[in-house]
Amino acid sequence: MYKKVGLKAWRNFFKDRGIAQKNIDQYLEYVRVLNKNNVPVIFEFEHLSKLLGLKRRVLASMINSPDSFYRTFRIPKYRGGFREIDAPYPSLLSAQR
């Protein structure tokens, strides 16, 4: 579970970092939409890795070579032939959830 951070706190966060007002306005609109939909606000790769509980290296691997995180197998169809299934390995499945 994440802690929702209000617009005022985000505005102060951006101002403290010297971000231009034009950009702050754009960022705050992004924050409004995410807060409204009850999803976490993520601006940086490192923040995402911490939220997912993954090392940056592992998350980068998932992003840059997603095929390495899926296993492929075939199951027989009722009327003959096979269906190919691409299923994520547990580490990717956890990140997807």
PDB file of N, CA and C in Angstrom:
ATOM      1  N   MET A   1       0.851  -1.175   0.000  1.00  0.00           N
ATOM      2  CA  MET A   1       0.000   0.000   0.000  1.00  0.00           C
ATOM      3  C   MET A   1       0.897   1.239   0.000  1.00  0.00           C
ATOM      4  N   TYR A   2       0.469   2.260  -0.631  1.00  0.00           N
ATOM      5  CA  TYR A   2       1.250   3.487  -0.698  1.00  0.00           C
ATOM      6  C   TYR A   2       0.515   4.589   0.052  1.00  0.00           C
ATOM      7  N   LYS A   3       1.272   5.621   0.373  1.00  0.00           N
ATOM      8  CA  LYS A   3       0.689   6.772   1.059  1.00  0.00           C
ATOM      9  C   LYS A   3       0.455   7.868   0.020  1.00  0.00           C
ATOM     10  N   LYS A   4      -0.809   8.307  -0.087  1.00  0.00           N
ATOM     11  CA  LYS A   4      -1.142   9.355  -1.040  1.00  0.00           C
ATOM     12  C   LYS A   4      -0.575  10.671  -0.530  1.00  0.00           C
ATOM     13  N   VAL A   5       0.116  11.383  -1.397  1.00  0.00           N
ATOM     14  CA  VAL A   5       0.712  12.673  -1.052  1.00  0.00           C
ATOM     15  C   VAL A   5      -0.102  13.755  -1.749  1.00  0.00           C
ATOM     16  N   GLY A   6      -0.500  14.774  -0.998  1.00  0.00           N
ATOM     17  CA  GLY A   6      -1.342  15.842  -1.527  1.00  0.00           C
ATOM     18  C   GLY A   6      -0.611  16.787  -2.466  1.00  0.00           C
ATOM     19  N   LEU A   7      -1.397  17.594  -3.184  1.00  0.00           N
ATOM     20  CA  LEU A   7      -0.845  18.524  -4.171  1.00  0.00           C
ATOM     21  C   LEU A   7       0.065  19.566  -3.535  1.00  0.00           C
ATOM     22  N   LYS A   8      -0.307  20.042  -2.347  1.00  0.00           N
ATOM     23  CA  LYS A   8       0.514  21.064  -1.678  1.00  0.00           C
ATOM     24  C   LYS A   8       1.911  20.508  -1.389  1.00  0.00           C
ATOM     25  N   ALA A   9       1.971  19.289  -0.901  1.00  0.00           N
ATOM     26  CA  ALA A   9       3.267  18.678  -0.604  1.00  0.00           C
ATOM     27  C   ALA A   9       4.088  18.497  -1.883  1.00  0.00           C
ATOM     28  N   TRP A  10       3.429  18.083  -2.968  1.00  0.00           N
ATOM     29  CA  TRP A  10       4.148  17.940  -4.233  1.00  0.00           C
ATOM     30  C   TRP A  10       4.627  19.297  -4.736  1.00  0.00           C
ATOM     31  N   ARG A  11       3.783  20.331  -4.631  1.00  0.00           N
ATOM     32  CA  ARG A  11       4.176  21.679  -5.075  1.00  0.00           C
ATOM     33  C   ARG A  11       5.433  22.128  -4.327  1.00  0.00           C
ATOM     34  N   ASN A  12       5.442  21.936  -3.010  1.00  0.00           N
ATOM     35  CA  ASN A  12       6.611  22.311  -2.206  1.00  0.00           C
ATOM     36  C   ASN A  12       7.835  21.492  -2.595  1.00  0.00           C
ATOM     37  N   PHE A  13       7.635  20.203  -2.843  1.00  0.00           N
ATOM     38  CA  PHE A  13       8.723  19.323  -3.265  1.00  0.00           C
ATOM     39  C   PHE A  13       9.366  19.854  -4.543  1.00  0.00           C
ATOM     40  N   PHE A  14       8.534  20.210  -5.533  1.00  0.00           N
ATOM     41  CA  PHE A  14       9.054  20.697  -6.806  1.00  0.00           C
ATOM     42  C   PHE A  14       9.732  22.054  -6.652  1.00  0.00           C
ATOM     43  N   LYS A  15       9.134  22.956  -5.868  1.00  0.00           N
ATOM     44  CA  LYS A  15       9.729  24.283  -5.668  1.00  0.00           C
ATOM     45  C   LYS A  15      11.074  24.178  -4.968  1.00  0.00           C
ATOM     46  N   ASP A  16      11.162  23.300  -3.972  1.00  0.00           N
ATOM     47  CA  ASP A  16      12.422  23.114  -3.243  1.00  0.00           C
ATOM     48  C   ASP A  16      13.541  22.632  -4.158  1.00  0.00           C
ATOM     49  N   ARG A  17      13.191  21.987  -5.234  1.00  0.00           N
ATOM     50  CA  ARG A  17      14.190  21.469  -6.163  1.00  0.00           C
ATOM     51  C   ARG A  17      14.456  22.423  -7.320  1.00  0.00           C
ATOM     52  N   GLY A  18      13.831  23.587  -7.275  1.00  0.00           N
ATOM     53  CA  GLY A  18      14.104  24.616  -8.281  1.00  0.00           C
ATOM     54  C   GLY A  18      13.480  24.343  -9.635  1.00  0.00           C
ATOM     55  N   ILE A  19      12.416  23.587  -9.674  1.00  0.00           N
ATOM     56  CA  ILE A  19      11.755  23.278 -10.939  1.00  0.00           C
ATOM     57  C   ILE A  19      10.933  24.489 -11.382  1.00  0.00           C
ATOM     58  N   ALA A  20      10.983  24.788 -12.667  1.00  0.00           N
ATOM     59  CA  ALA A  20      10.270  25.943 -13.230  1.00  0.00           C
ATOM     60  C   ALA A  20       8.763  25.795 -13.025  1.00  0.00           C
ATOM     61  N   GLN A  21       8.092  26.929 -12.787  1.00  0.00           N
ATOM     62  CA  GLN A  21       6.662  26.929 -12.509  1.00  0.00           C
ATOM     63  C   GLN A  21       5.863  26.262 -13.629  1.00  0.00           C
ATOM     64  N   LYS A  22       6.264  26.494 -14.877  1.00  0.00           N
ATOM     65  CA  LYS A  22       5.576  25.886 -16.019  1.00  0.00           C
ATOM     66  C   LYS A  22       5.589  24.355 -15.882  1.00  0.00           C
ATOM     67  N   ASN A  23       6.732  23.819 -15.503  1.00  0.00           N
ATOM     68  CA  ASN A  23       6.845  22.368 -15.327  1.00  0.00           C
ATOM     69  C   ASN A  23       6.071  21.900 -14.101  1.00  0.00           C
ATOM     70  N   ILE A  24       6.113  22.698 -13.047  1.00  0.00           N
ATOM     71  CA  ILE A  24       5.366  22.335 -11.827  1.00  0.00           C
ATOM     72  C   ILE A  24       3.887  22.186 -12.153  1.00  0.00           C
ATOM     73  N   ASP A  25       3.349  23.122 -12.934  1.00  0.00           N
ATOM     74  CA  ASP A  25       1.933  23.055 -13.301  1.00  0.00           C
ATOM     75  C   ASP A  25       1.619  21.761 -14.064  1.00  0.00           C
ATOM     76  N   GLN A  26       2.505  21.380 -14.973  1.00  0.00           N
ATOM     77  CA  GLN A  26       2.310  20.138 -15.725  1.00  0.00           C
ATOM     78  C   GLN A  26       2.405  18.923 -14.801  1.00  0.00           C
ATOM     79  N   TYR A  27       3.395  18.927 -13.924  1.00  0.00           N
ATOM     80  CA  TYR A  27       3.576  17.809 -13.003  1.00  0.00           C
ATOM     81  C   TYR A  27       2.374  17.669 -12.067  1.00  0.00           C
ATOM     82  N   LEU A  28       1.864  18.801 -11.584  1.00  0.00           N
ATOM     83  CA  LEU A  28       0.737  18.752 -10.659  1.00  0.00           C
ATOM     84  C   LEU A  28      -0.525  18.213 -11.340  1.00  0.00           C
ATOM     85  N   GLU A  29      -0.688  18.496 -12.627  1.00  0.00           N
ATOM     86  CA  GLU A  29      -1.833  17.927 -13.350  1.00  0.00           C
ATOM     87  C   GLU A  29      -1.692  16.405 -13.411  1.00  0.00           C
ATOM     88  N   TYR A  30      -0.491  15.939 -13.644  1.00  0.00           N
ATOM     89  CA  TYR A  30      -0.199  14.501 -13.648  1.00  0.00           C
ATOM     90  C   TYR A  30      -0.505  13.904 -12.271  1.00  0.00           C
ATOM     91  N   VAL A  31      -0.079  14.581 -11.218  1.00  0.00           N
ATOM     92  CA  VAL A  31      -0.324  14.117  -9.845  1.00  0.00           C
ATOM     93  C   VAL A  31      -1.826  14.073  -9.569  1.00  0.00           C
ATOM     94  N   ARG A  32      -2.573  15.101  -9.995  1.00  0.00           N
ATOM     95  CA  ARG A  32      -4.032  15.135  -9.781  1.00  0.00           C
ATOM     96  C   ARG A  32      -4.710  13.895 -10.377  1.00  0.00           C
ATOM     97  N   VAL A  33      -4.357  13.578 -11.603  1.00  0.00           N
ATOM     98  CA  VAL A  33      -4.971  12.431 -12.289  1.00  0.00           C
ATOM     99  C   VAL A  33      -4.646  11.128 -11.549  1.00  0.00           C
ATOM    100  N   LEU A  34      -3.399  10.960 -11.175  1.00  0.00           N
ATOM    101  CA  LEU A  34      -3.003   9.731 -10.486  1.00  0.00           C
ATOM    102  C   LEU A  34      -3.671   9.622  -9.118  1.00  0.00           C
ATOM    103  N   ASN A  35      -3.688  10.729  -8.366  1.00  0.00           N
ATOM    104  CA  ASN A  35      -4.350  10.714  -7.054  1.00  0.00           C
ATOM    105  C   ASN A  35      -5.836  10.393  -7.193  1.00  0.00           C
ATOM    106  N   LYS A  36      -6.462  10.976  -8.197  1.00  0.00           N
ATOM    107  CA  LYS A  36      -7.894  10.734  -8.427  1.00  0.00           C
ATOM    108  C   LYS A  36      -8.162   9.253  -8.683  1.00  0.00           C
ATOM    109  N   ASN A  37      -7.223   8.593  -9.350  1.00  0.00           N
ATOM    110  CA  ASN A  37      -7.380   7.175  -9.683  1.00  0.00           C
ATOM    111  C   ASN A  37      -6.752   6.240  -8.642  1.00  0.00           C
ATOM    112  N   ASN A  38      -6.319   6.826  -7.518  1.00  0.00           N
ATOM    113  CA  ASN A  38      -5.740   6.041  -6.411  1.00  0.00           C
ATOM    114  C   ASN A  38      -4.571   5.163  -6.828  1.00  0.00           C
ATOM    115  N   VAL A  39      -3.692   5.734  -7.633  1.00  0.00           N
ATOM    116  CA  VAL A  39      -2.455   5.037  -8.003  1.00  0.00           C
ATOM    117  C   VAL A  39      -1.266   5.888  -7.572  1.00  0.00           C
ATOM    118  N   PRO A  40      -0.146   5.270  -7.275  1.00  0.00           N
ATOM    119  CA  PRO A  40       1.000   6.040  -6.793  1.00  0.00           C
ATOM    120  C   PRO A  40       1.600   6.941  -7.869  1.00  0.00           C
ATOM    121  N   VAL A  41       2.147   8.046  -7.439  1.00  0.00           N
ATOM    122  CA  VAL A  41       2.841   8.972  -8.321  1.00  0.00           C
ATOM    123  C   VAL A  41       4.300   8.505  -8.404  1.00  0.00           C
ATOM    124  N   ILE A  42       4.758   8.268  -9.622  1.00  0.00           N
ATOM    125  CA  ILE A  42       6.127   7.785  -9.822  1.00  0.00           C
ATOM    126  C   ILE A  42       6.783   8.670 -10.870  1.00  0.00           C
ATOM    127  N   PHE A  43       7.847   9.355 -10.471  1.00  0.00           N
ATOM    128  CA  PHE A  43       8.554  10.237 -11.397  1.00  0.00           C
ATOM    129  C   PHE A  43       9.920   9.693 -11.812  1.00  0.00           C
ATOM    130  N   GLU A  44      10.471   8.790 -11.036  1.00  0.00           N
ATOM    131  CA  GLU A  44      11.839   8.359 -11.293  1.00  0.00           C
ATOM    132  C   GLU A  44      11.955   6.842 -11.271  1.00  0.00           C
ATOM    133  N   PHE A  45      12.914   6.346 -12.021  1.00  0.00           N
ATOM    134  CA  PHE A  45      13.196   4.920 -12.110  1.00  0.00           C
ATOM    135  C   PHE A  45      13.516   4.333 -10.733  1.00  0.00           C
ATOM    136  N   GLU A  46      14.341   5.030  -9.971  1.00  0.00           N
ATOM    137  CA  GLU A  46      14.721   4.528  -8.647  1.00  0.00           C
ATOM    138  C   GLU A  46      13.505   4.438  -7.723  1.00  0.00           C
ATOM    139  N   HIS A  47      12.616   5.405  -7.808  1.00  0.00           N
ATOM    140  CA  HIS A  47      11.387   5.387  -7.012  1.00  0.00           C
ATOM    141  C   HIS A  47      10.558   4.151  -7.371  1.00  0.00           C
ATOM    142  N   LEU A  48      10.422   3.864  -8.658  1.00  0.00           N
ATOM    143  CA  LEU A  48       9.678   2.682  -9.100  1.00  0.00           C
ATOM    144  C   LEU A  48      10.326   1.408  -8.568  1.00  0.00           C
ATOM    145  N   SER A  49      11.636   1.322  -8.622  1.00  0.00           N
ATOM    146  CA  SER A  49      12.314   0.113  -8.135  1.00  0.00           C
ATOM    147  C   SER A  49      12.074  -0.082  -6.640  1.00  0.00           C
ATOM    148  N   LYS A  50      12.053   1.003  -5.886  1.00  0.00           N
ATOM    149  CA  LYS A  50      11.776   0.891  -4.449  1.00  0.00           C
ATOM    150  C   LYS A  50      10.334   0.478  -4.191  1.00  0.00           C
ATOM    151  N   LEU A  51       9.392   1.049  -4.942  1.00  0.00           N
ATOM    152  CA  LEU A  51       7.988   0.675  -4.768  1.00  0.00           C
ATOM    153  C   LEU A  51       7.760  -0.807  -5.070  1.00  0.00           C
ATOM    154  N   LEU A  52       8.462  -1.315  -6.082  1.00  0.00           N
ATOM    155  CA  LEU A  52       8.308  -2.715  -6.466  1.00  0.00           C
ATOM    156  C   LEU A  52       9.131  -3.657  -5.602  1.00  0.00           C
ATOM    157  N   GLY A  53      10.073  -3.086  -4.839  1.00  0.00           N
ATOM    158  CA  GLY A  53      10.934  -3.926  -4.020  1.00  0.00           C
ATOM    159  C   GLY A  53      11.951  -4.684  -4.851  1.00  0.00           C
ATOM    160  N   LEU A  54      12.361  -4.078  -5.964  1.00  0.00           N
ATOM    161  CA  LEU A  54      13.338  -4.704  -6.859  1.00  0.00           C
ATOM    162  C   LEU A  54      14.604  -3.873  -6.916  1.00  0.00           C
ATOM    163  N   LYS A  55      15.723  -4.550  -7.066  1.00  0.00           N
ATOM    164  CA  LYS A  55      16.976  -3.825  -7.290  1.00  0.00           C
ATOM    165  C   LYS A  55      16.895  -3.155  -8.661  1.00  0.00           C
ATOM    166  N   ARG A  56      17.544  -2.003  -8.770  1.00  0.00           N
ATOM    167  CA  ARG A  56      17.503  -1.264 -10.044  1.00  0.00           C
ATOM    168  C   ARG A  56      17.979  -2.118 -11.202  1.00  0.00           C
ATOM    169  N   ARG A  57      18.998  -2.917 -10.961  1.00  0.00           N
ATOM    170  CA  ARG A  57      19.571  -3.771 -12.005  1.00  0.00           C
ATOM    171  C   ARG A  57      18.524  -4.766 -12.518  1.00  0.00           C
ATOM    172  N   VAL A  58      17.769  -5.352 -11.600  1.00  0.00           N
ATOM    173  CA  VAL A  58      16.744  -6.330 -11.986  1.00  0.00           C
ATOM    174  C   VAL A  58      15.624  -5.645 -12.765  1.00  0.00           C
ATOM    175  N   LEU A  59      15.158  -4.498 -12.292  1.00  0.00           N
ATOM    176  CA  LEU A  59      14.108  -3.762 -12.992  1.00  0.00           C
ATOM    177  C   LEU A  59      14.587  -3.349 -14.387  1.00  0.00           C
ATOM    178  N   ALA A  60      15.824  -2.896 -14.493  1.00  0.00           N
ATOM    179  CA  ALA A  60      16.377  -2.517 -15.799  1.00  0.00           C
ATOM    180  C   ALA A  60      16.394  -3.724 -16.737  1.00  0.00           C
ATOM    181  N   SER A  61      16.724  -4.887 -16.220  1.00  0.00           N
ATOM    182  CA  SER A  61      16.717  -6.104 -17.041  1.00  0.00           C
ATOM    183  C   SER A  61      15.313  -6.431 -17.525  1.00  0.00           C
ATOM    184  N   MET A  62      14.335  -6.273 -16.644  1.00  0.00           N
ATOM    185  CA  MET A  62      12.945  -6.535 -17.028  1.00  0.00           C
ATOM    186  C   MET A  62      12.504  -5.608 -18.155  1.00  0.00           C
ATOM    187  N   ILE A  63      12.939  -4.375 -18.083  1.00  0.00           N
ATOM    188  CA  ILE A  63      12.551  -3.379 -19.083  1.00  0.00           C
ATOM    189  C   ILE A  63      13.299  -3.585 -20.393  1.00  0.00           C
ATOM    190  N   ASN A  64      14.606  -3.838 -20.296  1.00  0.00           N
ATOM    191  CA  ASN A  64      15.445  -3.920 -21.492  1.00  0.00           C
ATOM    192  C   ASN A  64      15.426  -5.275 -22.184  1.00  0.00           C
ATOM    193  N   SER A  65      15.138  -6.350 -21.467  1.00  0.00           N
ATOM    194  CA  SER A  65      15.045  -7.682 -22.094  1.00  0.00           C
ATOM    195  C   SER A  65      13.876  -8.461 -21.514  1.00  0.00           C
ATOM    196  N   PRO A  66      12.666  -8.006 -21.801  1.00  0.00           N
ATOM    197  CA  PRO A  66      11.496  -8.661 -21.224  1.00  0.00           C
ATOM    198  C   PRO A  66      11.372 -10.136 -21.607  1.00  0.00           C
ATOM    199  N   ASP A  67      11.885 -10.524 -22.776  1.00  0.00           N
ATOM    200  CA  ASP A  67      11.788 -11.930 -23.193  1.00  0.00           C
ATOM    201  C   ASP A  67      12.490 -12.863 -22.218  1.00  0.00           C
ATOM    202  N   SER A  68      13.484 -12.355 -21.513  1.00  0.00           N
ATOM    203  CA  SER A  68      14.215 -13.177 -20.548  1.00  0.00           C
ATOM    204  C   SER A  68      13.374 -13.494 -19.313  1.00  0.00           C
ATOM    205  N   PHE A  69      12.254 -12.819 -19.145  1.00  0.00           N
ATOM    206  CA  PHE A  69      11.434 -12.997 -17.950  1.00  0.00           C
ATOM    207  C   PHE A  69      10.124 -13.728 -18.239  1.00  0.00           C
ATOM    208  N   TYR A  70      10.049 -14.354 -19.426  1.00  0.00           N
ATOM    209  CA  TYR A  70       8.893 -15.170 -19.794  1.00  0.00           C
ATOM    210  C   TYR A  70       9.351 -16.572 -20.161  1.00  0.00           C
ATOM    211  N   ARG A  71       8.520 -17.549 -19.861  1.00  0.00           N
ATOM    212  CA  ARG A  71       8.756 -18.908 -20.319  1.00  0.00           C
ATOM    213  C   ARG A  71       7.641 -19.234 -21.309  1.00  0.00           C
ATOM    214  N   THR A  72       7.976 -19.958 -22.332  1.00  0.00           N
ATOM    215  CA  THR A  72       7.013 -20.316 -23.361  1.00  0.00           C
ATOM    216  C   THR A  72       6.788 -21.825 -23.328  1.00  0.00           C
ATOM    217  N   PHE A  73       5.523 -22.218 -23.386  1.00  0.00           N
ATOM    218  CA  PHE A  73       5.199 -23.638 -23.460  1.00  0.00           C
ATOM    219  C   PHE A  73       3.938 -23.807 -24.281  1.00  0.00           C
ATOM    220  N   ARG A  74       3.667 -25.047 -24.671  1.00  0.00           N
ATOM    221  CA  ARG A  74       2.503 -25.335 -25.491  1.00  0.00           C
ATOM    222  C   ARG A  74       1.574 -26.285 -24.745  1.00  0.00           C
ATOM    223  N   ILE A  75       0.290 -26.050 -24.932  1.00  0.00           N
ATOM    224  CA  ILE A  75      -0.694 -26.971 -24.363  1.00  0.00           C
ATOM    225  C   ILE A  75      -1.594 -27.440 -25.513  1.00  0.00           C
ATOM    226  N   PRO A  76      -2.044 -28.698 -25.436  1.00  0.00           N
ATOM    227  CA  PRO A  76      -2.885 -29.202 -26.530  1.00  0.00           C
ATOM    228  C   PRO A  76      -4.263 -28.548 -26.524  1.00  0.00           C
ATOM    229  N   LYS A  77      -4.765 -28.302 -27.733  1.00  0.00           N
ATOM    230  CA  LYS A  77      -6.124 -27.787 -27.892  1.00  0.00           C
ATOM    231  C   LYS A  77      -7.098 -28.968 -27.944  1.00  0.00           C
ATOM    232  N   TYR A  78      -8.306 -28.723 -27.591  1.00  0.00           N
ATOM    233  CA  TYR A  78      -9.346 -29.751 -27.562  1.00  0.00           C
ATOM    234  C   TYR A  78      -9.537 -30.385 -28.944  1.00  0.00           C
ATOM    235  N   ARG A  79      -9.526 -29.569 -29.971  1.00  0.00           N
ATOM    236  CA  ARG A  79      -9.779 -30.057 -31.338  1.00  0.00           C
ATOM    237  C   ARG A  79      -8.501 -30.254 -32.145  1.00  0.00           C
ATOM    238  N   GLY A  80      -7.407 -30.447 -31.472  1.00  0.00           N
ATOM    239  CA  GLY A  80      -6.145 -30.693 -32.164  1.00  0.00           C
ATOM    240  C   GLY A  80      -5.283 -29.453 -32.231  1.00  0.00           C
ATOM    241  N   GLY A  81      -4.027 -29.665 -32.440  1.00  0.00           N
ATOM    242  CA  GLY A  81      -3.078 -28.563 -32.487  1.00  0.00           C
ATOM    243  C   GLY A  81      -2.666 -28.147 -31.077  1.00  0.00           C
ATOM    244  N   PHE A  82      -1.946 -27.067 -31.018  1.00  0.00           N
ATOM    245  CA  PHE A  82      -1.434 -26.587 -29.732  1.00  0.00           C
ATOM    246  C   PHE A  82      -1.654 -25.097 -29.590  1.00  0.00           C
ATOM    247  N   ARG A  83      -1.751 -24.675 -28.364  1.00  0.00           N
ATOM    248  CA  ARG A  83      -1.819 -23.256 -28.025  1.00  0.00           C
ATOM    249  C   ARG A  83      -0.505 -22.897 -27.341  1.00  0.00           C
ATOM    250  N   GLU A  84       0.145 -21.843 -27.836  1.00  0.00           N
ATOM    251  CA  GLU A  84       1.407 -21.402 -27.232  1.00  0.00           C
ATOM    252  C   GLU A  84       1.112 -20.390 -26.132  1.00  0.00           C
ATOM    253  N   ILE A  85       1.713 -20.624 -24.973  1.00  0.00           N
ATOM    254  CA  ILE A  85       1.514 -19.760 -23.813  1.00  0.00           C
ATOM    255  C   ILE A  85       2.843 -19.102 -23.449  1.00  0.00           C
ATOM    256  N   ASP A  86       2.835 -17.794 -23.277  1.00  0.00           N
ATOM    257  CA  ASP A  86       3.986 -17.051 -22.762  1.00  0.00           C
ATOM    258  C   ASP A  86       3.609 -16.599 -21.358  1.00  0.00           C
ATOM    259  N   ALA A  87       4.220 -17.212 -20.370  1.00  0.00           N
ATOM    260  CA  ALA A  87       3.893 -16.917 -18.975  1.00  0.00           C
ATOM    261  C   ALA A  87       5.087 -16.243 -18.299  1.00  0.00           C
ATOM    262  N   PRO A  88       4.840 -15.187 -17.529  1.00  0.00           N
ATOM    263  CA  PRO A  88       5.949 -14.502 -16.849  1.00  0.00           C
ATOM    264  C   PRO A  88       6.498 -15.348 -15.701  1.00  0.00           C
ATOM    265  N   TYR A  89       7.801 -15.230 -15.490  1.00  0.00           N
ATOM    266  CA  TYR A  89       8.418 -15.847 -14.324  1.00  0.00           C
ATOM    267  C   TYR A  89       7.923 -15.112 -13.079  1.00  0.00           C
ATOM    268  N   PRO A  90       8.021 -15.739 -11.908  1.00  0.00           N
ATOM    269  CA  PRO A  90       7.474 -15.137 -10.681  1.00  0.00           C
ATOM    270  C   PRO A  90       7.963 -13.713 -10.393  1.00  0.00           C
ATOM    271  N   SER A  91       9.212 -13.403 -10.684  1.00  0.00           N
ATOM    272  CA  SER A  91       9.712 -12.052 -10.396  1.00  0.00           C
ATOM    273  C   SER A  91       8.979 -10.995 -11.219  1.00  0.00           C
ATOM    274  N   LEU A  92       8.760 -11.276 -12.500  1.00  0.00           N
ATOM    275  CA  LEU A  92       8.033 -10.331 -13.348  1.00  0.00           C
ATOM    276  C   LEU A  92       6.562 -10.296 -12.969  1.00  0.00           C
ATOM    277  N   LEU A  93       5.983 -11.439 -12.685  1.00  0.00           N
ATOM    278  CA  LEU A  93       4.579 -11.501 -12.290  1.00  0.00           C
ATOM    279  C   LEU A  93       4.332 -10.652 -11.044  1.00  0.00           C
ATOM    280  N   SER A  94       5.243 -10.722 -10.103  1.00  0.00           N
ATOM    281  CA  SER A  94       5.130  -9.920  -8.881  1.00  0.00           C
ATOM    282  C   SER A  94       5.183  -8.424  -9.216  1.00  0.00           C
ATOM    283  N   ALA A  95       6.101  -8.033 -10.073  1.00  0.00           N
ATOM    284  CA  ALA A  95       6.219  -6.625 -10.480  1.00  0.00           C
ATOM    285  C   ALA A  95       4.962  -6.172 -11.224  1.00  0.00           C
ATOM    286  N   GLN A  96       4.390  -7.039 -12.044  1.00  0.00           N
ATOM    287  CA  GLN A  96       3.186  -6.686 -12.785  1.00  0.00           C
ATOM    288  C   GLN A  96       1.997  -6.467 -11.863  1.00  0.00           C
ATOM    289  N   ARG A  97       1.929  -7.257 -10.798  1.00  0.00           N
ATOM    290  CA  ARG A  97       0.819  -7.085  -9.844  1.00  0.00           C
ATOM    291  C   ARG A  97       0.964  -5.764  -9.140  1.00  0.00           C
TER     292      ARG A  97
END
